N, C-alpha and C. Protein backbone atom coordinates (compact mmCIF):
# COMPACT_ATOMS: atom_id res chain seq x y z
N MET A 1 -116.25 48.20 -27.28
CA MET A 1 -116.09 46.76 -28.24
C MET A 1 -114.67 46.29 -27.66
N ASN A 2 -114.54 45.46 -28.12
CA ASN A 2 -113.51 44.48 -27.38
C ASN A 2 -111.89 45.18 -27.71
N HIS A 3 -111.04 45.37 -27.18
CA HIS A 3 -109.60 46.18 -27.89
C HIS A 3 -109.04 45.23 -28.74
N ALA A 4 -109.11 44.01 -28.38
CA ALA A 4 -108.48 43.06 -29.61
C ALA A 4 -108.97 42.98 -30.75
N ALA A 5 -110.37 42.68 -30.73
CA ALA A 5 -111.11 42.59 -31.92
C ALA A 5 -110.84 43.53 -32.82
N GLU A 6 -110.94 45.11 -31.99
CA GLU A 6 -110.53 46.12 -32.70
C GLU A 6 -109.14 46.67 -33.12
N LYS A 7 -108.63 45.96 -32.65
CA LYS A 7 -106.99 46.12 -32.96
C LYS A 7 -106.93 45.24 -34.14
N ILE A 8 -107.06 44.08 -34.24
CA ILE A 8 -107.25 43.27 -35.51
C ILE A 8 -107.92 43.77 -36.63
N GLY A 9 -109.13 43.92 -36.18
CA GLY A 9 -110.16 44.45 -37.38
C GLY A 9 -109.55 45.76 -38.13
N GLN A 10 -108.93 46.52 -37.33
CA GLN A 10 -108.10 47.88 -38.00
C GLN A 10 -107.09 47.40 -38.74
N LEU A 11 -106.66 46.26 -38.84
CA LEU A 11 -105.37 45.78 -39.46
C LEU A 11 -105.55 45.26 -41.08
N ARG A 12 -106.94 44.58 -40.93
CA ARG A 12 -107.31 43.99 -41.99
C ARG A 12 -108.66 44.47 -42.84
N PHE A 13 -109.36 45.23 -41.91
CA PHE A 13 -110.37 46.17 -42.30
C PHE A 13 -110.30 47.42 -41.89
N PRO A 14 -109.65 48.67 -42.52
CA PRO A 14 -109.39 49.86 -41.77
C PRO A 14 -110.93 50.30 -42.09
N GLU A 15 -111.02 51.67 -41.53
CA GLU A 15 -112.26 52.49 -41.72
C GLU A 15 -112.37 52.75 -42.98
N LYS A 16 -111.58 53.00 -43.79
CA LYS A 16 -112.25 53.31 -45.18
C LYS A 16 -113.14 52.22 -46.21
N LEU A 17 -112.62 51.08 -45.74
CA LEU A 17 -113.16 49.71 -46.10
C LEU A 17 -114.30 49.57 -45.52
N ARG A 18 -114.24 49.63 -44.53
CA ARG A 18 -115.75 49.34 -43.41
C ARG A 18 -117.21 50.01 -43.99
N LYS A 19 -116.79 51.21 -45.06
CA LYS A 19 -118.07 51.54 -45.09
C LYS A 19 -118.61 50.69 -46.19
N PHE A 20 -117.78 49.66 -46.93
CA PHE A 20 -118.36 49.00 -48.03
C PHE A 20 -118.63 47.56 -47.33
N LEU A 21 -118.53 47.00 -46.40
CA LEU A 21 -119.15 46.10 -45.40
C LEU A 21 -120.12 46.17 -45.11
N THR A 22 -121.46 45.68 -46.14
CA THR A 22 -122.81 45.53 -45.49
C THR A 22 -123.13 44.20 -45.99
N PHE A 23 -124.27 43.89 -45.39
CA PHE A 23 -124.67 42.51 -45.67
C PHE A 23 -125.39 42.40 -47.18
N ARG A 24 -125.66 43.29 -47.88
CA ARG A 24 -125.92 43.69 -49.27
C ARG A 24 -124.77 43.12 -50.49
N LEU A 25 -123.66 43.75 -50.27
CA LEU A 25 -122.77 43.82 -50.67
C LEU A 25 -122.10 42.37 -50.59
N MET A 26 -121.79 41.95 -49.40
CA MET A 26 -121.23 40.66 -49.02
C MET A 26 -122.27 39.58 -49.70
N THR A 27 -123.16 39.56 -49.73
CA THR A 27 -124.22 38.32 -50.38
C THR A 27 -123.92 38.39 -51.74
N VAL A 28 -123.30 39.74 -52.36
CA VAL A 28 -123.40 39.83 -53.90
C VAL A 28 -122.14 39.26 -54.08
N PHE A 29 -121.08 39.68 -53.37
CA PHE A 29 -119.78 38.95 -53.23
C PHE A 29 -119.77 37.35 -53.08
N VAL A 30 -120.40 37.07 -52.34
CA VAL A 30 -120.43 35.37 -52.17
C VAL A 30 -121.09 34.80 -53.34
N ALA A 31 -122.28 35.11 -53.92
CA ALA A 31 -122.86 34.94 -54.90
C ALA A 31 -121.73 34.78 -56.24
N LEU A 32 -121.49 35.98 -56.33
CA LEU A 32 -120.17 35.86 -57.49
C LEU A 32 -119.20 34.51 -57.37
N LEU A 33 -118.62 34.76 -55.98
CA LEU A 33 -117.32 33.48 -55.70
C LEU A 33 -118.14 32.31 -56.38
N ALA A 34 -119.26 32.21 -55.88
CA ALA A 34 -119.88 30.58 -56.18
C ALA A 34 -120.01 30.39 -57.32
N VAL A 35 -120.63 31.50 -57.95
CA VAL A 35 -120.82 31.19 -59.71
C VAL A 35 -119.39 30.99 -60.07
N TRP A 36 -118.22 31.82 -59.97
CA TRP A 36 -116.74 31.40 -60.56
C TRP A 36 -116.56 30.36 -59.98
N SER A 37 -116.59 29.63 -58.94
CA SER A 37 -116.50 28.59 -58.32
C SER A 37 -116.76 27.31 -59.33
N PHE A 38 -118.18 27.46 -59.67
CA PHE A 38 -119.21 26.36 -60.35
C PHE A 38 -118.73 26.56 -61.77
N VAL A 39 -118.42 27.41 -62.10
CA VAL A 39 -117.80 27.97 -63.77
C VAL A 39 -116.31 27.13 -63.57
N PHE A 40 -115.69 27.22 -62.80
CA PHE A 40 -114.18 26.50 -63.03
C PHE A 40 -114.43 25.13 -62.43
N SER A 41 -115.26 24.76 -61.68
CA SER A 41 -115.37 23.21 -61.67
C SER A 41 -115.78 22.50 -62.49
N ALA A 42 -116.81 23.29 -63.33
CA ALA A 42 -117.20 22.70 -64.60
C ALA A 42 -116.34 22.40 -65.60
N LEU A 43 -115.38 23.55 -65.84
CA LEU A 43 -114.49 23.20 -66.70
C LEU A 43 -113.19 22.73 -66.46
N ASP A 44 -112.95 22.09 -65.07
CA ASP A 44 -112.00 20.84 -64.62
C ASP A 44 -112.32 19.79 -63.88
N LYS A 45 -113.21 19.10 -64.84
CA LYS A 45 -113.68 17.74 -64.16
C LYS A 45 -112.74 16.77 -63.81
N ALA A 46 -111.47 16.73 -64.02
CA ALA A 46 -110.62 16.06 -64.05
C ALA A 46 -110.25 15.74 -62.38
N SER A 47 -109.90 16.53 -61.81
CA SER A 47 -109.63 17.18 -60.62
C SER A 47 -110.55 16.54 -59.53
N HIS A 48 -111.73 16.50 -59.96
CA HIS A 48 -112.84 15.71 -58.84
C HIS A 48 -113.09 14.32 -58.55
N SER A 49 -112.34 13.65 -59.46
CA SER A 49 -112.63 12.09 -59.06
C SER A 49 -111.72 11.49 -57.95
N THR A 50 -110.34 12.18 -57.63
CA THR A 50 -109.79 11.40 -56.54
C THR A 50 -110.12 12.63 -55.25
N VAL A 51 -110.75 13.53 -55.09
CA VAL A 51 -111.00 14.42 -53.98
C VAL A 51 -112.24 13.75 -53.32
N GLU A 52 -113.55 13.21 -53.59
CA GLU A 52 -114.68 12.74 -53.24
C GLU A 52 -114.03 11.79 -52.07
N GLY A 53 -114.87 12.18 -50.89
CA GLY A 53 -114.81 10.89 -50.10
C GLY A 53 -115.88 10.44 -49.28
N GLY A 54 -116.42 9.35 -48.77
CA GLY A 54 -117.17 9.07 -48.25
C GLY A 54 -117.54 9.87 -47.02
N PHE A 55 -116.62 10.04 -46.06
CA PHE A 55 -116.91 11.10 -44.76
C PHE A 55 -117.47 12.14 -44.97
N THR A 56 -116.99 13.11 -46.04
CA THR A 56 -117.37 14.20 -46.30
C THR A 56 -119.15 13.84 -46.68
N TYR A 57 -119.86 13.21 -46.88
CA TYR A 57 -121.07 13.54 -47.10
C TYR A 57 -122.32 12.66 -46.30
N SER A 58 -121.31 12.09 -44.70
CA SER A 58 -122.01 11.44 -43.93
C SER A 58 -123.14 12.09 -43.32
N PRO A 59 -124.06 11.65 -42.91
CA PRO A 59 -125.37 12.04 -42.46
C PRO A 59 -125.20 12.80 -40.77
N THR A 60 -124.20 12.59 -39.96
CA THR A 60 -123.93 12.96 -38.77
C THR A 60 -123.48 14.16 -38.93
N LEU A 61 -121.96 14.41 -39.93
CA LEU A 61 -121.03 15.36 -40.16
C LEU A 61 -122.25 16.60 -40.85
N LEU A 62 -122.98 16.32 -41.73
CA LEU A 62 -123.76 17.35 -42.15
C LEU A 62 -124.97 17.72 -41.62
N VAL A 63 -125.63 16.98 -40.29
CA VAL A 63 -126.49 17.64 -39.18
C VAL A 63 -125.44 18.67 -38.55
N LEU A 64 -124.43 17.95 -37.88
CA LEU A 64 -123.57 18.80 -37.09
C LEU A 64 -123.32 20.29 -37.79
N TYR A 65 -122.89 19.96 -38.91
CA TYR A 65 -122.34 21.19 -39.71
C TYR A 65 -123.19 22.28 -40.20
N ASN A 66 -124.66 21.61 -40.37
CA ASN A 66 -125.45 22.80 -40.66
C ASN A 66 -126.31 23.03 -39.16
N THR A 67 -125.94 22.65 -38.07
CA THR A 67 -126.57 22.86 -37.05
C THR A 67 -125.54 24.32 -36.42
N ILE A 68 -124.19 23.98 -36.96
CA ILE A 68 -123.50 25.06 -36.29
C ILE A 68 -123.63 26.35 -37.19
N LEU A 69 -123.98 26.00 -38.58
CA LEU A 69 -124.64 27.02 -39.29
C LEU A 69 -125.93 28.04 -38.80
N VAL A 70 -126.61 27.13 -38.26
CA VAL A 70 -127.81 27.77 -38.03
C VAL A 70 -127.92 28.54 -36.97
N VAL A 71 -126.60 28.14 -36.03
CA VAL A 71 -126.53 29.10 -34.60
C VAL A 71 -126.04 30.17 -35.17
N GLY A 72 -124.99 29.76 -35.93
CA GLY A 72 -124.15 30.93 -36.50
C GLY A 72 -125.24 32.32 -37.08
N PHE A 73 -125.95 31.63 -38.06
CA PHE A 73 -127.03 32.69 -38.50
C PHE A 73 -127.78 33.43 -37.53
N TRP A 74 -128.14 32.48 -36.50
CA TRP A 74 -129.08 32.90 -35.37
C TRP A 74 -128.37 34.06 -34.39
N LEU A 75 -127.06 33.88 -34.06
CA LEU A 75 -126.35 34.89 -33.10
C LEU A 75 -126.40 35.99 -34.04
N ILE A 76 -126.12 35.92 -35.59
CA ILE A 76 -125.62 37.37 -36.49
C ILE A 76 -127.28 38.10 -36.15
N TYR A 77 -128.29 37.37 -36.28
CA TYR A 77 -129.61 38.04 -36.42
C TYR A 77 -130.03 38.45 -34.69
N ARG A 78 -129.61 37.65 -33.71
CA ARG A 78 -129.71 38.21 -32.70
C ARG A 78 -128.67 39.54 -32.29
N THR A 79 -127.70 39.89 -32.52
CA THR A 79 -126.98 40.52 -32.53
C THR A 79 -127.10 42.02 -33.37
N ARG A 80 -128.04 41.97 -34.09
CA ARG A 80 -128.57 42.98 -35.11
C ARG A 80 -128.78 44.31 -34.55
N ASP A 81 -129.35 44.31 -33.35
CA ASP A 81 -129.54 45.71 -32.83
C ASP A 81 -127.73 46.70 -32.37
N ARG A 82 -126.88 45.76 -32.42
CA ARG A 82 -125.50 46.40 -32.04
C ARG A 82 -124.83 46.95 -32.99
N LYS A 83 -124.96 48.24 -33.12
CA LYS A 83 -124.33 48.66 -34.10
C LYS A 83 -122.73 48.64 -34.00
N GLU A 84 -121.85 48.65 -32.72
CA GLU A 84 -120.82 48.48 -32.85
C GLU A 84 -120.06 47.25 -33.49
N TYR A 85 -120.98 46.23 -33.51
CA TYR A 85 -120.36 45.04 -33.93
C TYR A 85 -120.63 44.71 -35.41
N TYR A 86 -121.35 45.65 -35.91
CA TYR A 86 -121.94 45.66 -37.52
C TYR A 86 -120.82 44.79 -38.70
N TRP A 87 -119.81 45.67 -38.82
CA TRP A 87 -118.81 45.10 -39.52
C TRP A 87 -118.26 43.74 -39.31
N LEU A 88 -118.22 43.29 -38.04
CA LEU A 88 -117.63 41.84 -37.66
C LEU A 88 -118.83 41.25 -38.10
N ARG A 89 -120.09 41.51 -37.83
CA ARG A 89 -121.38 40.23 -38.08
C ARG A 89 -121.19 40.57 -39.47
N VAL A 90 -121.25 40.99 -40.51
CA VAL A 90 -121.00 41.30 -41.95
C VAL A 90 -119.88 40.33 -42.20
N ILE A 91 -118.70 40.08 -41.33
CA ILE A 91 -117.63 39.37 -41.80
C ILE A 91 -118.14 37.76 -41.62
N PHE A 92 -118.59 37.50 -40.23
CA PHE A 92 -118.92 36.36 -40.03
C PHE A 92 -120.26 36.09 -41.16
N TYR A 93 -121.13 36.70 -41.38
CA TYR A 93 -121.80 36.53 -42.01
C TYR A 93 -121.30 35.85 -43.50
N GLY A 94 -120.68 36.49 -44.13
CA GLY A 94 -119.56 36.28 -45.23
C GLY A 94 -119.25 34.69 -45.15
N MET A 95 -118.57 34.37 -44.23
CA MET A 95 -117.98 33.43 -43.93
C MET A 95 -119.29 32.52 -43.90
N LEU A 96 -120.29 32.50 -43.15
CA LEU A 96 -121.20 31.32 -42.92
C LEU A 96 -121.81 31.16 -44.43
N LEU A 97 -122.37 32.49 -45.09
CA LEU A 97 -122.66 32.29 -46.54
C LEU A 97 -122.10 31.34 -47.25
N GLY A 98 -120.63 31.59 -47.36
CA GLY A 98 -119.67 31.32 -48.25
C GLY A 98 -119.68 29.38 -47.78
N SER A 99 -119.87 29.17 -46.54
CA SER A 99 -120.10 27.95 -46.37
C SER A 99 -121.52 27.21 -47.09
N VAL A 100 -122.44 27.98 -46.79
CA VAL A 100 -123.67 27.19 -47.51
C VAL A 100 -123.38 26.99 -48.81
N GLY A 101 -122.57 28.15 -49.47
CA GLY A 101 -122.65 28.13 -50.82
C GLY A 101 -121.65 26.98 -51.49
N GLY A 102 -120.67 26.16 -50.41
CA GLY A 102 -119.75 25.83 -50.65
C GLY A 102 -120.36 24.39 -50.60
N GLU A 103 -121.37 24.45 -49.91
CA GLU A 103 -121.93 23.23 -49.57
C GLU A 103 -122.97 22.61 -50.52
N ILE A 104 -123.84 23.57 -51.06
CA ILE A 104 -124.41 23.47 -52.36
C ILE A 104 -123.82 23.30 -53.20
N LEU A 105 -122.87 23.83 -53.69
CA LEU A 105 -121.83 23.46 -54.77
C LEU A 105 -121.73 22.14 -54.83
N ILE A 106 -121.24 21.53 -53.73
CA ILE A 106 -120.82 20.11 -53.51
C ILE A 106 -121.52 19.17 -54.08
N PHE A 107 -122.55 19.39 -53.34
CA PHE A 107 -124.08 18.75 -53.88
C PHE A 107 -124.53 18.74 -55.21
N VAL A 108 -124.28 19.67 -55.65
CA VAL A 108 -124.47 20.05 -57.28
C VAL A 108 -123.60 19.52 -58.06
N ARG A 109 -122.35 19.62 -57.71
CA ARG A 109 -121.37 18.62 -58.46
C ARG A 109 -121.37 17.28 -58.44
N ARG A 110 -121.78 16.86 -57.37
CA ARG A 110 -122.02 15.62 -57.08
C ARG A 110 -123.36 14.86 -58.24
N PHE A 111 -124.26 15.62 -58.10
CA PHE A 111 -125.45 14.88 -58.65
C PHE A 111 -125.51 15.42 -60.31
N LEU A 112 -124.14 16.46 -60.61
CA LEU A 112 -124.33 16.25 -62.24
C LEU A 112 -122.96 15.74 -62.44
N ALA A 113 -122.56 14.87 -61.80
CA ALA A 113 -121.30 14.26 -62.06
C ALA A 113 -121.71 12.79 -62.66
């Protein structure tokens, strides 16, 4: 494995923690964060009126954003046989899944407002 990635990985995700880095646990963790975010955003409706912007919802940006997400998920799928990168794939999966969850929460918040 790449020496720099392993060195950074040891700082952030030591061997004792890596045994808990699985796709299933990451999915549960991201889902819990999404529910938490939705609950707190529902309780605090006043802060959303000034943050909304037209550029965030432009079709061009959304197509580009979702294309990058699809490519990211595809890369994780293509590297599924490489055991040495498992923990790193789980971290990237969590980031991509969090992006999807955030995008869904933005649309849900917009339609419920």
